[in-house]
Amino acid sequence: MTIKEIQEEIIDEFSLFDDWMERYEYLIELGKSLPLINNENKLDENLIKGCQSKVWLYSDFQNDIIKFTADSDAILTKGMVALLLRVYSNQHPKDIMDSDTEFLNEIGLKEHLSPTRANGLVSMIKKIKLYALGYQSKVTQ
């Protein structure tokens, strides 16, 4: 699936919920299904700066595809990173760099987060895009 198709699927899923308590519960459930980072990759260098909670993000690049794994010490944050990995893992670096995050506004996530959590979400997206930029430069060399 393309990034846009996955984003549309997420928008459709979130539209099924009547209120934000149900959406938070759904995010928590997504966090429980997160493909966890191996303990040996839970290093300081894989911590995302700017997050209130601890969030580790690790990437692997094979066959022009980036695969991400992650973990967090906070259950809601784990759901947020799971949502991002659903969109961006198993994608080409250029597709990640060219994508937008408008789907997060469409599901209302950014407006329902505390300022510190919203900053953490932005930091996660920046880190994912930085990985994509780094891998894309390897592809074009």
C-alpha atoms as a PDB file:
ATOM      1  CA  MET A   1       0.000   0.000   0.000  1.00  0.00           C
ATOM      2  CA  THR A   2       1.107   3.544  -0.611  1.00  0.00           C
ATOM      3  CA  ILE A   3       1.537   6.023   2.220  1.00  0.00           C
ATOM      4  CA  LYS A   4      -1.527   7.962   1.025  1.00  0.00           C
ATOM      5  CA  GLU A   5      -3.655   4.786   0.975  1.00  0.00           C
ATOM      6  CA  ILE A   6      -2.605   3.918   4.524  1.00  0.00           C
ATOM      7  CA  GLN A   7      -3.338   7.472   5.659  1.00  0.00           C
ATOM      8  CA  GLU A   8      -6.821   7.292   4.089  1.00  0.00           C
ATOM      9  CA  GLU A   9      -7.428   3.962   5.832  1.00  0.00           C
ATOM     10  CA  ILE A  10      -6.494   5.532   9.181  1.00  0.00           C
ATOM     11  CA  ILE A  11      -8.804   8.508   8.550  1.00  0.00           C
ATOM     12  CA  ASP A  12     -11.646   6.070   7.831  1.00  0.00           C
ATOM     13  CA  GLU A  13     -10.924   4.076  10.998  1.00  0.00           C
ATOM     14  CA  PHE A  14     -10.869   7.157  13.224  1.00  0.00           C
ATOM     15  CA  SER A  15     -14.134   8.405  11.716  1.00  0.00           C
ATOM     16  CA  LEU A  16     -15.858   5.349  13.216  1.00  0.00           C
ATOM     17  CA  PHE A  17     -15.384   6.698  16.740  1.00  0.00           C
ATOM     18  CA  ASP A  18     -17.841   9.159  18.228  1.00  0.00           C
ATOM     19  CA  ASP A  19     -15.567  10.866  20.724  1.00  0.00           C
ATOM     20  CA  TRP A  20     -11.943  11.326  21.674  1.00  0.00           C
ATOM     21  CA  MET A  21     -12.035   8.919  24.604  1.00  0.00           C
ATOM     22  CA  GLU A  22     -12.752   6.127  22.113  1.00  0.00           C
ATOM     23  CA  ARG A  23      -9.981   7.397  19.832  1.00  0.00           C
ATOM     24  CA  TYR A  24      -7.494   7.463  22.722  1.00  0.00           C
ATOM     25  CA  GLU A  25      -8.467   3.887  23.552  1.00  0.00           C
ATOM     26  CA  TYR A  26      -7.892   2.933  19.921  1.00  0.00           C
ATOM     27  CA  LEU A  27      -4.457   4.581  19.983  1.00  0.00           C
ATOM     28  CA  ILE A  28      -3.608   2.596  23.103  1.00  0.00           C
ATOM     29  CA  GLU A  29      -4.681  -0.605  21.352  1.00  0.00           C
ATOM     30  CA  LEU A  30      -2.471   0.291  18.385  1.00  0.00           C
ATOM     31  CA  GLY A  31       0.416   0.726  20.792  1.00  0.00           C
ATOM     32  CA  LYS A  32      -0.056  -2.815  22.047  1.00  0.00           C
ATOM     33  CA  SER A  33       0.468  -4.122  18.498  1.00  0.00           C
ATOM     34  CA  LEU A  34       3.623  -2.065  17.900  1.00  0.00           C
ATOM     35  CA  PRO A  35       6.510  -4.114  16.453  1.00  0.00           C
ATOM     36  CA  LEU A  36       8.905  -3.638  19.340  1.00  0.00           C
ATOM     37  CA  ILE A  37      12.468  -2.560  19.000  1.00  0.00           C
ATOM     38  CA  ASN A  38      15.054  -5.156  20.032  1.00  0.00           C
ATOM     39  CA  ASN A  39      16.535  -4.422  23.442  1.00  0.00           C
ATOM     40  CA  GLU A  40      20.011  -4.058  21.916  1.00  0.00           C
ATOM     41  CA  ASN A  41      18.632  -1.119  19.879  1.00  0.00           C
ATOM     42  CA  LYS A  42      17.233   0.653  22.945  1.00  0.00           C
ATOM     43  CA  LEU A  43      20.237   2.932  22.973  1.00  0.00           C
ATOM     44  CA  ASP A  44      20.504   6.629  23.765  1.00  0.00           C
ATOM     45  CA  GLU A  45      21.343   7.281  20.109  1.00  0.00           C
ATOM     46  CA  ASN A  46      17.908   5.892  19.160  1.00  0.00           C
ATOM     47  CA  LEU A  47      16.012   8.050  21.657  1.00  0.00           C
ATOM     48  CA  ILE A  48      13.925  10.769  20.051  1.00  0.00           C
ATOM     49  CA  LYS A  49      14.840  14.174  21.406  1.00  0.00           C
ATOM     50  CA  GLY A  50      11.940  16.474  22.199  1.00  0.00           C
ATOM     51  CA  CYS A  51       9.597  13.828  23.583  1.00  0.00           C
ATOM     52  CA  GLN A  52       8.285  14.063  27.121  1.00  0.00           C
ATOM     53  CA  SER A  53       8.300  10.261  27.283  1.00  0.00           C
ATOM     54  CA  LYS A  54      11.140   8.013  26.269  1.00  0.00           C
ATOM     55  CA  VAL A  55      10.696   6.936  22.652  1.00  0.00           C
ATOM     56  CA  TRP A  56      13.203   4.732  20.891  1.00  0.00           C
ATOM     57  CA  LEU A  57      13.084   4.535  17.097  1.00  0.00           C
ATOM     58  CA  TYR A  58      15.271   2.198  15.088  1.00  0.00           C
ATOM     59  CA  SER A  59      15.425   1.830  11.327  1.00  0.00           C
ATOM     60  CA  ASP A  60      16.702  -0.860   9.012  1.00  0.00           C
ATOM     61  CA  PHE A  61      17.202  -0.305   5.285  1.00  0.00           C
ATOM     62  CA  GLN A  62      17.063  -3.242   2.878  1.00  0.00           C
ATOM     63  CA  ASN A  63      16.039  -3.498  -0.777  1.00  0.00           C
ATOM     64  CA  ASP A  64      15.267   0.254  -0.915  1.00  0.00           C
ATOM     65  CA  ILE A  65      12.697  -0.106   1.886  1.00  0.00           C
ATOM     66  CA  ILE A  66      12.919   1.333   5.403  1.00  0.00           C
ATOM     67  CA  LYS A  67      11.580  -0.782   8.245  1.00  0.00           C
ATOM     68  CA  PHE A  68      11.067   0.884  11.595  1.00  0.00           C
ATOM     69  CA  THR A  69      10.704  -0.561  15.062  1.00  0.00           C
ATOM     70  CA  ALA A  70      10.036   1.472  18.176  1.00  0.00           C
ATOM     71  CA  ASP A  71       9.058   1.480  21.812  1.00  0.00           C
ATOM     72  CA  SER A  72       8.000   3.983  24.420  1.00  0.00           C
ATOM     73  CA  ASP A  73       7.636   4.025  28.180  1.00  0.00           C
ATOM     74  CA  ALA A  74       4.234   5.759  27.883  1.00  0.00           C
ATOM     75  CA  ILE A  75       1.191   3.888  26.612  1.00  0.00           C
ATOM     76  CA  LEU A  76      -0.380   6.765  24.632  1.00  0.00           C
ATOM     77  CA  THR A  77       2.948   7.706  23.083  1.00  0.00           C
ATOM     78  CA  LYS A  78       3.438   4.087  22.108  1.00  0.00           C
ATOM     79  CA  GLY A  79       0.123   4.306  20.244  1.00  0.00           C
ATOM     80  CA  MET A  80       1.185   7.496  18.476  1.00  0.00           C
ATOM     81  CA  VAL A  81       4.461   5.978  17.298  1.00  0.00           C
ATOM     82  CA  ALA A  82       2.594   2.800  16.252  1.00  0.00           C
ATOM     83  CA  LEU A  83       0.340   4.961  14.076  1.00  0.00           C
ATOM     84  CA  LEU A  84       3.356   6.621  12.431  1.00  0.00           C
ATOM     85  CA  LEU A  85       5.118   3.298  11.863  1.00  0.00           C
ATOM     86  CA  ARG A  86       1.997   1.904  10.236  1.00  0.00           C
ATOM     87  CA  VAL A  87       2.223   4.745   7.721  1.00  0.00           C
ATOM     88  CA  TYR A  88       5.978   4.980   7.190  1.00  0.00           C
ATOM     89  CA  SER A  89       7.467   1.536   7.794  1.00  0.00           C
ATOM     90  CA  ASN A  90       8.039  -0.636   4.714  1.00  0.00           C
ATOM     91  CA  GLN A  91       8.180   2.392   2.437  1.00  0.00           C
ATOM     92  CA  HIS A  92      10.778   3.877   0.081  1.00  0.00           C
ATOM     93  CA  PRO A  93      12.771   6.820   1.495  1.00  0.00           C
ATOM     94  CA  LYS A  94      11.651   9.211  -1.263  1.00  0.00           C
ATOM     95  CA  ASP A  95       7.991   8.369  -0.637  1.00  0.00           C
ATOM     96  CA  ILE A  96       8.455   9.141   3.068  1.00  0.00           C
ATOM     97  CA  MET A  97      10.195  12.434   2.344  1.00  0.00           C
ATOM     98  CA  ASP A  98       7.526  13.449  -0.189  1.00  0.00           C
ATOM     99  CA  SER A  99       4.592  12.592   2.069  1.00  0.00           C
ATOM    100  CA  ASP A 100       2.644  14.999   4.229  1.00  0.00           C
ATOM    101  CA  THR A 101       1.136  14.522   7.665  1.00  0.00           C
ATOM    102  CA  GLU A 102      -2.221  16.134   6.942  1.00  0.00           C
ATOM    103  CA  PHE A 103      -3.954  12.899   7.976  1.00  0.00           C
ATOM    104  CA  LEU A 104      -3.029  13.713  11.604  1.00  0.00           C
ATOM    105  CA  ASN A 105      -5.029  16.945  11.332  1.00  0.00           C
ATOM    106  CA  GLU A 106      -7.897  15.146   9.603  1.00  0.00           C
ATOM    107  CA  ILE A 107      -8.253  12.655  12.449  1.00  0.00           C
ATOM    108  CA  GLY A 108      -7.924  15.518  14.940  1.00  0.00           C
ATOM    109  CA  LEU A 109      -4.916  14.077  16.745  1.00  0.00           C
ATOM    110  CA  LYS A 110      -2.771  17.209  16.939  1.00  0.00           C
ATOM    111  CA  GLU A 111      -5.554  19.317  18.436  1.00  0.00           C
ATOM    112  CA  HIS A 112      -6.289  16.702  21.128  1.00  0.00           C
ATOM    113  CA  LEU A 113      -2.728  16.403  22.434  1.00  0.00           C
ATOM    114  CA  SER A 114      -1.087  18.394  25.176  1.00  0.00           C
ATOM    115  CA  PRO A 115       1.566  20.810  23.870  1.00  0.00           C
ATOM    116  CA  THR A 116       4.378  18.536  25.078  1.00  0.00           C
ATOM    117  CA  ARG A 117       2.847  15.469  23.407  1.00  0.00           C
ATOM    118  CA  ALA A 118       2.259  17.458  20.208  1.00  0.00           C
ATOM    119  CA  ASN A 119       5.938  18.479  20.253  1.00  0.00           C
ATOM    120  CA  GLY A 120       6.885  14.846  20.745  1.00  0.00           C
ATOM    121  CA  LEU A 121       4.767  13.839  17.757  1.00  0.00           C
ATOM    122  CA  VAL A 122       6.529  16.440  15.604  1.00  0.00           C
ATOM    123  CA  SER A 123       9.899  15.144  16.847  1.00  0.00           C
ATOM    124  CA  MET A 124       8.942  11.571  15.877  1.00  0.00           C
ATOM    125  CA  ILE A 125       7.969  12.679  12.376  1.00  0.00           C
ATOM    126  CA  LYS A 126      11.195  14.672  11.994  1.00  0.00           C
ATOM    127  CA  LYS A 127      13.281  11.650  13.022  1.00  0.00           C
ATOM    128  CA  ILE A 128      11.452   9.374  10.552  1.00  0.00           C
ATOM    129  CA  LYS A 129      12.001  11.905   7.765  1.00  0.00           C
ATOM    130  CA  LEU A 130      15.677  12.308   8.728  1.00  0.00           C
ATOM    131  CA  TYR A 131      16.169   8.549   8.442  1.00  0.00           C
ATOM    132  CA  ALA A 132      14.476   8.679   5.024  1.00  0.00           C
ATOM    133  CA  LEU A 133      16.705  11.553   3.910  1.00  0.00           C
ATOM    134  CA  GLY A 134      19.816   9.682   4.993  1.00  0.00           C
ATOM    135  CA  TYR A 135      18.818   6.493   3.211  1.00  0.00           C
ATOM    136  CA  GLN A 136      17.713   8.395   0.093  1.00  0.00           C
ATOM    137  CA  SER A 137      21.166   9.952  -0.168  1.00  0.00           C
ATOM    138  CA  LYS A 138      22.645   6.435  -0.163  1.00  0.00           C
ATOM    139  CA  VAL A 139      20.281   5.349  -2.945  1.00  0.00           C
ATOM    140  CA  THR A 140      21.187   8.289  -5.196  1.00  0.00           C
ATOM    141  CA  GLN A 141      24.951   7.980  -4.783  1.00  0.00           C
END
